[in-house]
Amino acid sequence: MVDEKALVQQCQSGDNGACERLFLHFRQRAYLLALQLTGHKEDALDICQDSFTKVFSKMASFDKKRSFLPWLLTIVRNSAFDVLRQKKKEKTYPLDKAEDLPSTAAGPAEQLEANERKSRLRQALSKLEAGPREIILLKDFHGLSYKDIALVLEVPIGTVMSRLHSARQALKRALEVNE
């Protein structure tokens, strides 16, 4: 278990080893969000690198009372939206590499069914608008709390709850269309 607050404090003190450990601990989550938002591996890698460069250049001003992950994901999110604005493209976005993950299904039939469910979910999510897709990704794929999502999106917690409810309803409708 990584002591996030201790690593942040060590980074702020100039400990490059702590900065590297912080990067290694959070890089996959940052990359995954960037990939989910942009749909392109190369863009996601660039966004991830750019985001960590920003994080480490602003580390001295980071408020130690805050949680690091929402701050990082806010930077990743903003960088991803900058890239999307620059490219001015609308596409469907791959959401994860769920098909690469081992299935917990007992046999081949259950494994096939699990893979089909994952595929339907990815298709339905890719059909959602960016806002609803993003809030579902932050809550259900990244496991952020309402409070942390509110920090990332810079909205009140009540707004997060309302948007998440609406997003889940839209996802439900999209899944029903795919059946």
Foldseek 3Di string as FASTA:
>chain_A
DDPQLVLLVVLLVPPVVSLVVNCVVCLVVLLLLLQQLQQDNVRSVVLSVVLSVVCSVCSNVDDSVDGDVLVSNLSSVVSSVVVCVVVVDQDFHARDVVVPDDDPDDDDVRNVVVVVVVVLLSVLLSPDDSQLSSLCCVCPVVPDDLVSVCSSVVHDSVVSVVSPVVSVVSSVVSSVVVD
